[in-house]
Structure formats: C-alpha cells, structure tokens
Amino acid sequence: MATPHKISTLLYGFNDQDQTLLLQRNRPPNQGLWSPCGGKLNTDEGESPHACGCREAAEEAGLRLKPTDLRLTGLVSEYGYEGQAHWLMFLFEIKPRLHTLPPPHAEGVFGFFSRAALNNLALPPTDRDFIWPLYWCNRGGFFAAHCHCHAEGRFTWTLAQGSAPEKMAL
C-alpha cells in the first residue's frame, strides 16, 4: 500500500512588536503544542497553496487575506511523518501586520510570542529544532528543506535552498 502524500500551509503572522501569532492546538497533529495556524489543501477541489493559506487564515484566525497578502518563505517536505504520510508544507509569512489576537477557536487558542519566548513554549520538536531556526535564518528570503522521519523517532534534515544557522545539525 502506498503512503499518502498530504499538502498543507503554515501561516507566520506578526504584530507591530514583531511577535509571532501561534495557535495551541486542540487536535492532532501536534495536539497541545503551539504552532502557526494553517491546514490541509483541498486537493480534490484543485485548491492552490495561496488559496489554502487565505482560507485557513479566515477559518482559524478570522483574517480576511488575499493571495497577495502572503509571501512564500519556505517549503518543507517530510518523508514518512509518524509512519502514516508524506507531507509537503508551504510556509507563508502574512505581509500585513496583525493588530488583535484572534478569539479562541475550535482548533485551539491563540497567543502572540516574542522570538525569545519561543524557547520556553511547548513546540513540536521539528519546529523547535529545525523549522524555526531555518525560518529566522532565512526571514525575508526563501528556504526549502526535506525531513526524513525515521521509524525510531529520529529525523534527518537536508537543506535544498537557503542557509542554515551554523549550530544547526542538518
């Protein structure tokens, strides 16, 4: 049986203090952990990554965005995530600054956090160790990375485009 490929978007939004908007998720994947809002593409409908980002921003955070409000900042592929699927994730930075915290949602609750505060949050391990460092190192540019998720729980990362922080083990 072939492993399915899933496609999703993640949205990196910031307020005027350059704090990032994160969602503490009520549901899997990453239940109980803080991550950017986003979700799966409606592939049956031929939805584009930009359209998905706008739809997810409206559904989860009540934000009304146009595709031109999103800037593609990263592309992450994952092989064998939790042994169930391969993922292709489009990471977008929301260009307009956010002025209010979205209300709680069925997906979870929102918070704004400084870059330093991320070190003390319950984040998914791959976000903390790889995606956030790549994001910060390439902010304003673009990166593409691949993660091989091994059955025993370790991850092998490969950077295809962009730069990695010196201390990052890829």
N, C-alpha and C. Protein backbone atom coordinates (compact mmCIF):
# COMPACT_ATOMS: atom_id res chain seq x y z
N MET A 1 0.85 -1.19 0.00
CA MET A 1 0.00 0.00 0.00
C MET A 1 0.89 1.24 0.00
N ALA A 2 0.59 2.17 -0.88
CA ALA A 2 1.35 3.41 -0.99
C ALA A 2 1.04 4.33 0.18
N THR A 3 2.06 5.06 0.62
CA THR A 3 1.87 6.05 1.69
C THR A 3 1.32 7.32 1.06
N PRO A 4 0.23 7.87 1.60
CA PRO A 4 -0.36 9.07 1.00
C PRO A 4 0.54 10.29 1.16
N HIS A 5 0.38 11.21 0.24
CA HIS A 5 1.07 12.49 0.29
C HIS A 5 0.03 13.54 0.67
N LYS A 6 0.32 14.32 1.70
CA LYS A 6 -0.59 15.37 2.14
C LYS A 6 0.09 16.72 1.93
N ILE A 7 -0.70 17.72 1.61
CA ILE A 7 -0.19 19.06 1.33
C ILE A 7 -0.85 20.03 2.30
N SER A 8 -0.05 20.93 2.88
CA SER A 8 -0.60 21.87 3.85
C SER A 8 0.09 23.23 3.74
N THR A 9 -0.49 24.18 4.45
CA THR A 9 0.10 25.51 4.57
C THR A 9 0.29 25.83 6.05
N LEU A 10 1.29 26.62 6.35
CA LEU A 10 1.50 27.19 7.68
C LEU A 10 1.64 28.69 7.50
N LEU A 11 1.02 29.45 8.41
CA LEU A 11 0.99 30.90 8.29
C LEU A 11 1.74 31.56 9.44
N TYR A 12 2.74 32.34 9.10
CA TYR A 12 3.56 33.05 10.08
C TYR A 12 3.14 34.52 10.08
N GLY A 13 2.34 34.88 11.08
CA GLY A 13 1.86 36.25 11.20
C GLY A 13 2.52 36.96 12.37
N PHE A 14 2.70 38.27 12.26
CA PHE A 14 3.38 39.06 13.28
C PHE A 14 2.58 40.32 13.59
N ASN A 15 2.69 40.77 14.83
CA ASN A 15 2.06 42.02 15.21
C ASN A 15 3.09 43.16 15.10
N ASP A 16 2.70 44.38 15.54
CA ASP A 16 3.58 45.54 15.41
C ASP A 16 4.83 45.43 16.27
N GLN A 17 4.83 44.57 17.28
CA GLN A 17 6.01 44.35 18.13
C GLN A 17 6.87 43.19 17.60
N ASP A 18 6.55 42.70 16.42
CA ASP A 18 7.23 41.58 15.77
C ASP A 18 7.10 40.28 16.56
N GLN A 19 6.00 40.17 17.31
CA GLN A 19 5.68 38.91 17.98
C GLN A 19 4.89 38.05 17.01
N THR A 20 5.16 36.76 17.04
CA THR A 20 4.50 35.84 16.11
C THR A 20 3.22 35.29 16.71
N LEU A 21 2.24 35.09 15.85
CA LEU A 21 0.96 34.51 16.24
C LEU A 21 1.05 33.00 16.18
N LEU A 22 0.74 32.35 17.30
CA LEU A 22 0.75 30.89 17.35
C LEU A 22 -0.57 30.39 17.91
N LEU A 23 -0.89 29.18 17.56
CA LEU A 23 -2.11 28.50 17.97
C LEU A 23 -1.73 27.29 18.82
N GLN A 24 -2.31 27.20 20.02
CA GLN A 24 -2.11 25.99 20.83
C GLN A 24 -3.20 25.02 20.39
N ARG A 25 -2.79 23.97 19.71
CA ARG A 25 -3.72 23.08 19.01
C ARG A 25 -4.50 22.16 19.95
N ASN A 26 -5.81 22.08 19.68
CA ASN A 26 -6.70 21.18 20.43
C ASN A 26 -6.75 19.79 19.82
N ARG A 27 -6.26 19.64 18.59
CA ARG A 27 -6.41 18.38 17.85
C ARG A 27 -5.06 17.94 17.27
N PRO A 28 -4.95 16.65 16.98
CA PRO A 28 -3.75 16.18 16.27
C PRO A 28 -3.73 16.74 14.84
N PRO A 29 -2.61 16.88 14.19
CA PRO A 29 -1.30 16.62 14.77
C PRO A 29 -0.88 17.76 15.69
N ASN A 30 0.05 17.49 16.53
CA ASN A 30 0.62 18.48 17.46
C ASN A 30 -0.36 18.97 18.51
N GLN A 31 -1.26 18.10 18.93
CA GLN A 31 -2.24 18.45 19.96
C GLN A 31 -1.53 18.93 21.23
N GLY A 32 -1.99 20.08 21.76
CA GLY A 32 -1.43 20.65 22.98
C GLY A 32 -0.18 21.49 22.76
N LEU A 33 0.35 21.49 21.55
CA LEU A 33 1.57 22.23 21.25
C LEU A 33 1.24 23.52 20.49
N TRP A 34 2.16 24.47 20.53
CA TRP A 34 2.00 25.76 19.87
C TRP A 34 2.62 25.70 18.48
N SER A 35 1.86 26.13 17.48
CA SER A 35 2.38 26.16 16.12
C SER A 35 1.64 27.24 15.33
N PRO A 36 2.17 27.60 14.17
CA PRO A 36 1.45 28.56 13.33
C PRO A 36 0.11 27.96 12.89
N CYS A 37 -0.85 28.81 12.62
CA CYS A 37 -2.12 28.29 12.10
C CYS A 37 -1.91 27.86 10.65
N GLY A 38 -2.83 27.10 10.15
CA GLY A 38 -2.74 26.58 8.80
C GLY A 38 -3.54 25.30 8.70
N GLY A 39 -3.40 24.62 7.60
CA GLY A 39 -4.14 23.38 7.42
C GLY A 39 -3.92 22.78 6.06
N LYS A 40 -4.68 21.72 5.80
CA LYS A 40 -4.52 20.94 4.58
C LYS A 40 -5.21 21.60 3.38
N LEU A 41 -4.57 21.45 2.22
CA LEU A 41 -5.17 21.89 0.96
C LEU A 41 -6.35 21.01 0.63
N ASN A 42 -7.34 21.61 0.02
CA ASN A 42 -8.46 20.85 -0.55
C ASN A 42 -8.03 20.40 -1.94
N THR A 43 -7.27 19.31 -1.98
CA THR A 43 -6.71 18.85 -3.25
C THR A 43 -7.79 18.36 -4.21
N ASP A 44 -8.89 17.83 -3.68
CA ASP A 44 -9.98 17.37 -4.55
C ASP A 44 -10.58 18.51 -5.35
N GLU A 45 -10.45 19.73 -4.82
CA GLU A 45 -11.01 20.91 -5.48
C GLU A 45 -9.96 21.67 -6.28
N GLY A 46 -8.72 21.18 -6.28
CA GLY A 46 -7.66 21.86 -7.01
C GLY A 46 -7.22 23.16 -6.36
N GLU A 47 -7.41 23.26 -5.04
CA GLU A 47 -7.06 24.49 -4.31
C GLU A 47 -5.56 24.74 -4.38
N SER A 48 -5.18 25.99 -4.60
CA SER A 48 -3.76 26.36 -4.62
C SER A 48 -3.26 26.58 -3.21
N PRO A 49 -1.93 26.50 -3.00
CA PRO A 49 -1.39 26.79 -1.66
C PRO A 49 -1.77 28.19 -1.16
N HIS A 50 -1.71 29.20 -2.03
CA HIS A 50 -2.09 30.55 -1.61
C HIS A 50 -3.56 30.62 -1.21
N ALA A 51 -4.43 29.99 -2.00
CA ALA A 51 -5.86 29.99 -1.66
C ALA A 51 -6.09 29.26 -0.35
N CYS A 52 -5.38 28.17 -0.13
CA CYS A 52 -5.49 27.43 1.13
C CYS A 52 -5.06 28.31 2.29
N GLY A 53 -3.96 29.03 2.15
CA GLY A 53 -3.50 29.91 3.20
C GLY A 53 -4.54 30.96 3.55
N CYS A 54 -5.15 31.56 2.55
CA CYS A 54 -6.19 32.56 2.78
C CYS A 54 -7.41 31.94 3.46
N ARG A 55 -7.82 30.76 3.00
CA ARG A 55 -8.97 30.08 3.60
C ARG A 55 -8.69 29.72 5.05
N GLU A 56 -7.53 29.15 5.32
CA GLU A 56 -7.19 28.76 6.69
C GLU A 56 -7.07 29.99 7.60
N ALA A 57 -6.54 31.10 7.09
CA ALA A 57 -6.45 32.33 7.88
C ALA A 57 -7.85 32.80 8.28
N ALA A 58 -8.80 32.69 7.36
CA ALA A 58 -10.19 33.10 7.65
C ALA A 58 -10.84 32.12 8.63
N GLU A 59 -10.70 30.82 8.37
CA GLU A 59 -11.35 29.81 9.22
C GLU A 59 -10.81 29.80 10.64
N GLU A 60 -9.50 29.88 10.80
CA GLU A 60 -8.91 29.72 12.12
C GLU A 60 -8.72 31.04 12.86
N ALA A 61 -8.34 32.09 12.15
CA ALA A 61 -7.99 33.35 12.83
C ALA A 61 -8.91 34.51 12.49
N GLY A 62 -9.91 34.28 11.62
CA GLY A 62 -10.83 35.35 11.26
C GLY A 62 -10.19 36.43 10.41
N LEU A 63 -9.05 36.12 9.76
CA LEU A 63 -8.35 37.09 8.94
C LEU A 63 -8.83 37.00 7.49
N ARG A 64 -9.11 38.14 6.91
CA ARG A 64 -9.52 38.20 5.50
C ARG A 64 -8.31 38.62 4.68
N LEU A 65 -7.68 37.65 4.04
CA LEU A 65 -6.47 37.90 3.28
C LEU A 65 -6.68 37.60 1.81
N LYS A 66 -5.89 38.27 0.99
CA LYS A 66 -5.82 38.00 -0.44
C LYS A 66 -4.52 37.23 -0.69
N PRO A 67 -4.43 36.47 -1.77
CA PRO A 67 -3.17 35.77 -2.05
C PRO A 67 -1.96 36.70 -2.05
N THR A 68 -2.13 37.96 -2.47
CA THR A 68 -1.01 38.90 -2.49
C THR A 68 -0.60 39.34 -1.08
N ASP A 69 -1.38 38.99 -0.05
CA ASP A 69 -1.02 39.29 1.34
C ASP A 69 -0.06 38.24 1.91
N LEU A 70 0.20 37.19 1.14
CA LEU A 70 1.06 36.09 1.60
C LEU A 70 2.36 36.08 0.80
N ARG A 71 3.47 35.85 1.49
CA ARG A 71 4.76 35.71 0.84
C ARG A 71 5.30 34.32 1.17
N LEU A 72 5.57 33.53 0.13
CA LEU A 72 6.11 32.19 0.34
C LEU A 72 7.52 32.31 0.89
N THR A 73 7.72 31.79 2.08
CA THR A 73 9.00 31.92 2.75
C THR A 73 9.74 30.59 2.88
N GLY A 74 9.00 29.49 2.78
CA GLY A 74 9.66 28.20 2.91
C GLY A 74 8.83 27.07 2.35
N LEU A 75 9.51 26.00 2.05
CA LEU A 75 8.88 24.77 1.58
C LEU A 75 9.55 23.63 2.32
N VAL A 76 8.75 22.84 3.03
CA VAL A 76 9.28 21.72 3.79
C VAL A 76 8.57 20.45 3.34
N SER A 77 9.35 19.44 2.99
CA SER A 77 8.78 18.13 2.68
C SER A 77 9.19 17.18 3.79
N GLU A 78 8.28 16.31 4.15
CA GLU A 78 8.56 15.31 5.18
C GLU A 78 8.26 13.93 4.62
N TYR A 79 9.20 13.03 4.79
CA TYR A 79 9.04 11.65 4.35
C TYR A 79 8.66 10.80 5.56
N GLY A 80 7.50 10.15 5.48
CA GLY A 80 7.10 9.18 6.49
C GLY A 80 6.75 9.75 7.86
N TYR A 81 6.11 10.92 7.90
CA TYR A 81 5.74 11.53 9.18
C TYR A 81 4.86 10.58 9.99
N GLU A 82 5.30 10.24 11.18
CA GLU A 82 4.62 9.30 12.09
C GLU A 82 4.28 7.99 11.40
N GLY A 83 5.03 7.65 10.35
CA GLY A 83 4.83 6.40 9.63
C GLY A 83 3.52 6.33 8.87
N GLN A 84 2.83 7.49 8.75
CA GLN A 84 1.50 7.47 8.15
C GLN A 84 1.38 8.21 6.83
N ALA A 85 2.22 9.21 6.62
CA ALA A 85 2.06 10.03 5.41
C ALA A 85 3.36 10.77 5.11
N HIS A 86 3.44 11.24 3.88
CA HIS A 86 4.47 12.18 3.46
C HIS A 86 3.78 13.55 3.40
N TRP A 87 4.48 14.58 3.80
CA TRP A 87 3.88 15.92 3.82
C TRP A 87 4.67 16.87 2.93
N LEU A 88 3.97 17.78 2.31
CA LEU A 88 4.55 18.91 1.60
C LEU A 88 3.90 20.15 2.21
N MET A 89 4.72 20.99 2.89
CA MET A 89 4.20 22.13 3.62
C MET A 89 4.71 23.44 3.01
N PHE A 90 3.79 24.31 2.67
CA PHE A 90 4.10 25.64 2.17
C PHE A 90 4.04 26.61 3.35
N LEU A 91 5.14 27.29 3.65
CA LEU A 91 5.21 28.23 4.76
C LEU A 91 5.09 29.65 4.21
N PHE A 92 4.09 30.37 4.68
CA PHE A 92 3.83 31.73 4.22
C PHE A 92 3.98 32.71 5.37
N GLU A 93 4.60 33.86 5.10
CA GLU A 93 4.55 34.97 6.04
C GLU A 93 3.41 35.86 5.61
N ILE A 94 2.58 36.25 6.57
CA ILE A 94 1.48 37.18 6.32
C ILE A 94 2.08 38.57 6.27
N LYS A 95 1.97 39.26 5.14
CA LYS A 95 2.60 40.57 4.98
C LYS A 95 1.96 41.66 5.86
N PRO A 96 0.63 41.80 5.90
CA PRO A 96 0.08 42.83 6.79
C PRO A 96 0.32 42.46 8.25
N ARG A 97 0.66 43.47 9.05
CA ARG A 97 0.83 43.24 10.49
C ARG A 97 -0.54 42.99 11.13
N LEU A 98 -0.55 42.14 12.14
CA LEU A 98 -1.78 41.79 12.85
C LEU A 98 -1.93 42.74 14.04
N HIS A 99 -3.16 43.20 14.30
CA HIS A 99 -3.37 44.19 15.35
C HIS A 99 -4.12 43.66 16.56
N THR A 100 -4.79 42.52 16.39
CA THR A 100 -5.53 41.94 17.51
C THR A 100 -5.31 40.44 17.57
N LEU A 101 -5.47 39.91 18.75
CA LEU A 101 -5.37 38.47 18.95
C LEU A 101 -6.69 37.83 18.53
N PRO A 102 -6.67 36.83 17.66
CA PRO A 102 -7.92 36.16 17.28
C PRO A 102 -8.56 35.50 18.50
N PRO A 103 -9.88 35.40 18.51
CA PRO A 103 -10.55 34.73 19.62
C PRO A 103 -10.29 33.22 19.60
N PRO A 104 -10.54 32.55 20.74
CA PRO A 104 -10.40 31.08 20.76
C PRO A 104 -11.24 30.45 19.64
N HIS A 105 -10.79 29.34 19.17
CA HIS A 105 -11.39 28.67 18.02
C HIS A 105 -11.46 27.19 18.33
N ALA A 106 -12.25 26.45 17.56
CA ALA A 106 -12.35 25.00 17.77
C ALA A 106 -10.99 24.32 17.65
N GLU A 107 -10.09 24.90 16.87
CA GLU A 107 -8.74 24.33 16.70
C GLU A 107 -7.85 24.61 17.90
N GLY A 108 -8.17 25.66 18.71
CA GLY A 108 -7.33 25.98 19.86
C GLY A 108 -7.40 27.45 20.23
N VAL A 109 -6.43 27.88 21.03
CA VAL A 109 -6.35 29.28 21.48
C VAL A 109 -5.09 29.91 20.89
N PHE A 110 -5.13 31.23 20.71
CA PHE A 110 -4.04 31.97 20.09
C PHE A 110 -3.26 32.75 21.12
N GLY A 111 -2.02 33.05 20.79
CA GLY A 111 -1.17 33.93 21.57
C GLY A 111 -0.13 34.55 20.68
N PHE A 112 0.33 35.75 21.07
CA PHE A 112 1.46 36.39 20.41
C PHE A 112 2.69 36.15 21.28
N PHE A 113 3.82 35.80 20.65
CA PHE A 113 5.03 35.48 21.39
C PHE A 113 6.25 36.09 20.71
N SER A 114 7.15 36.61 21.53
CA SER A 114 8.42 37.12 21.01
C SER A 114 9.28 35.94 20.56
N ARG A 115 10.28 36.25 19.78
CA ARG A 115 11.20 35.21 19.32
C ARG A 115 11.85 34.50 20.51
N ALA A 116 12.24 35.27 21.52
CA ALA A 116 12.88 34.68 22.71
C ALA A 116 11.91 33.79 23.47
N ALA A 117 10.63 34.16 23.51
CA ALA A 117 9.64 33.38 24.26
C ALA A 117 9.40 32.00 23.64
N LEU A 118 9.71 31.84 22.36
CA LEU A 118 9.52 30.53 21.71
C LEU A 118 10.37 29.46 22.39
N ASN A 119 11.49 29.85 22.99
CA ASN A 119 12.36 28.88 23.66
C ASN A 119 11.69 28.21 24.85
N ASN A 120 10.67 28.85 25.43
CA ASN A 120 10.00 28.32 26.63
C ASN A 120 8.63 27.75 26.34
N LEU A 121 8.23 27.70 25.07
CA LEU A 121 6.91 27.18 24.71
C LEU A 121 6.99 25.70 24.36
N ALA A 122 5.87 25.02 24.52
CA ALA A 122 5.75 23.63 24.08
C ALA A 122 5.52 23.66 22.56
N LEU A 123 6.59 23.46 21.82
CA LEU A 123 6.55 23.45 20.36
C LEU A 123 6.78 22.03 19.86
N PRO A 124 6.27 21.69 18.68
CA PRO A 124 6.65 20.40 18.10
C PRO A 124 8.17 20.33 17.96
N PRO A 125 8.79 19.20 18.28
CA PRO A 125 10.26 19.11 18.24
C PRO A 125 10.86 19.52 16.90
N THR A 126 10.26 19.12 15.79
CA THR A 126 10.84 19.50 14.49
C THR A 126 10.73 21.01 14.26
N ASP A 127 9.67 21.64 14.78
CA ASP A 127 9.55 23.10 14.67
C ASP A 127 10.67 23.76 15.46
N ARG A 128 10.84 23.34 16.73
CA ARG A 128 11.83 23.97 17.61
C ARG A 128 13.25 23.79 17.08
N ASP A 129 13.57 22.58 16.67
CA ASP A 129 14.95 22.25 16.32
C ASP A 129 15.34 22.59 14.88
N PHE A 130 14.36 22.65 13.98
CA PHE A 130 14.70 22.83 12.57
C PHE A 130 13.92 23.93 11.87
N ILE A 131 12.58 23.87 11.90
CA ILE A 131 11.82 24.81 11.08
C ILE A 131 11.99 26.24 11.56
N TRP A 132 11.85 26.51 12.88
CA TRP A 132 12.03 27.88 13.37
C TRP A 132 13.43 28.39 13.10
N PRO A 133 14.50 27.63 13.39
CA PRO A 133 15.84 28.15 13.06
C PRO A 133 16.01 28.47 11.56
N LEU A 134 15.47 27.61 10.69
CA LEU A 134 15.54 27.89 9.26
C LEU A 134 14.73 29.13 8.91
N TYR A 135 13.56 29.26 9.51
CA TYR A 135 12.71 30.44 9.26
C TYR A 135 13.46 31.72 9.63
N TRP A 136 14.00 31.77 10.86
CA TRP A 136 14.66 33.00 11.32
C TRP A 136 15.90 33.30 10.47
N CYS A 137 16.66 32.29 10.12
CA CYS A 137 17.88 32.49 9.35
C CYS A 137 17.58 32.99 7.94
N ASN A 138 16.41 32.64 7.40
CA ASN A 138 16.05 32.97 6.02
C ASN A 138 14.91 33.98 5.92
N ARG A 139 14.53 34.59 7.03
CA ARG A 139 13.40 35.52 7.02
C ARG A 139 13.65 36.63 6.01
N GLY A 140 12.67 36.88 5.18
CA GLY A 140 12.80 37.85 4.10
C GLY A 140 13.28 37.22 2.82
N GLY A 141 13.74 35.98 2.88
CA GLY A 141 14.19 35.24 1.71
C GLY A 141 13.35 33.98 1.56
N PHE A 142 14.01 32.89 1.24
CA PHE A 142 13.30 31.63 1.00
C PHE A 142 14.21 30.47 1.37
N PHE A 143 13.62 29.40 1.89
CA PHE A 143 14.36 28.17 2.12
C PHE A 143 13.50 26.98 1.72
N ALA A 144 14.16 25.89 1.39
CA ALA A 144 13.49 24.63 1.10
C ALA A 144 14.27 23.53 1.81
N ALA A 145 13.56 22.69 2.54
CA ALA A 145 14.21 21.63 3.31
C ALA A 145 13.39 20.35 3.24
N HIS A 146 14.08 19.24 3.44
CA HIS A 146 13.44 17.93 3.45
C HIS A 146 13.78 17.23 4.77
N CYS A 147 12.77 16.60 5.35
CA CYS A 147 12.96 15.85 6.59
C CYS A 147 12.59 14.38 6.36
N HIS A 148 13.53 13.51 6.60
CA HIS A 148 13.25 12.07 6.57
C HIS A 148 12.92 11.67 8.00
N CYS A 149 11.68 11.31 8.24
CA CYS A 149 11.22 10.90 9.57
C CYS A 149 11.43 9.39 9.70
N HIS A 150 12.38 9.00 10.53
CA HIS A 150 12.71 7.59 10.69
C HIS A 150 11.75 6.93 11.68
N ALA A 151 11.53 5.65 11.50
CA ALA A 151 10.57 4.90 12.32
C ALA A 151 10.90 4.96 13.81
N GLU A 152 12.18 5.00 14.16
CA GLU A 152 12.56 5.01 15.58
C GLU A 152 12.49 6.40 16.21
N GLY A 153 12.02 7.39 15.44
CA GLY A 153 11.79 8.72 16.02
C GLY A 153 12.86 9.75 15.75
N ARG A 154 13.91 9.40 15.04
CA ARG A 154 14.91 10.43 14.73
C ARG A 154 14.59 11.03 13.36
N PHE A 155 15.18 12.20 13.10
CA PHE A 155 14.92 12.94 11.87
C PHE A 155 16.25 13.25 11.18
N THR A 156 16.26 13.11 9.86
CA THR A 156 17.41 13.51 9.06
C THR A 156 16.95 14.65 8.16
N TRP A 157 17.58 15.81 8.31
CA TRP A 157 17.20 17.01 7.55
C TRP A 157 18.21 17.29 6.45
N THR A 158 17.71 17.73 5.31
CA THR A 158 18.53 18.15 4.19
C THR A 158 18.04 19.52 3.74
N LEU A 159 18.95 20.46 3.61
CA LEU A 159 18.62 21.80 3.14
C LEU A 159 18.86 21.86 1.65
N ALA A 160 17.83 22.15 0.87
CA ALA A 160 17.94 22.21 -0.58
C ALA A 160 18.21 23.64 -1.07
N GLN A 161 17.69 24.62 -0.32
CA GLN A 161 17.86 26.02 -0.71
C GLN A 161 17.79 26.87 0.53
N GLY A 162 18.57 27.96 0.54
CA GLY A 162 18.59 28.85 1.69
C GLY A 162 19.84 28.59 2.49
N SER A 163 19.86 29.16 3.70
CA SER A 163 21.01 28.95 4.57
C SER A 163 20.52 28.43 5.90
N ALA A 164 21.42 27.75 6.58
CA ALA A 164 21.10 27.17 7.89
C ALA A 164 21.97 27.85 8.95
N PRO A 165 21.44 28.01 10.17
CA PRO A 165 22.27 28.54 11.24
C PRO A 165 23.49 27.63 11.45
N GLU A 166 24.62 28.23 11.82
CA GLU A 166 25.86 27.47 11.98
C GLU A 166 25.73 26.31 12.96
N LYS A 167 24.94 26.47 14.00
CA LYS A 167 24.84 25.43 15.04
C LYS A 167 23.85 24.33 14.69
N MET A 168 23.15 24.48 13.57
CA MET A 168 22.13 23.52 13.21
C MET A 168 22.75 22.27 12.59
N ALA A 169 22.35 21.11 13.09
CA ALA A 169 22.85 19.85 12.54
C ALA A 169 21.87 19.34 11.50
N LEU A 170 22.22 19.52 10.25
CA LEU A 170 21.36 19.01 9.15
C LEU A 170 21.90 17.70 8.65
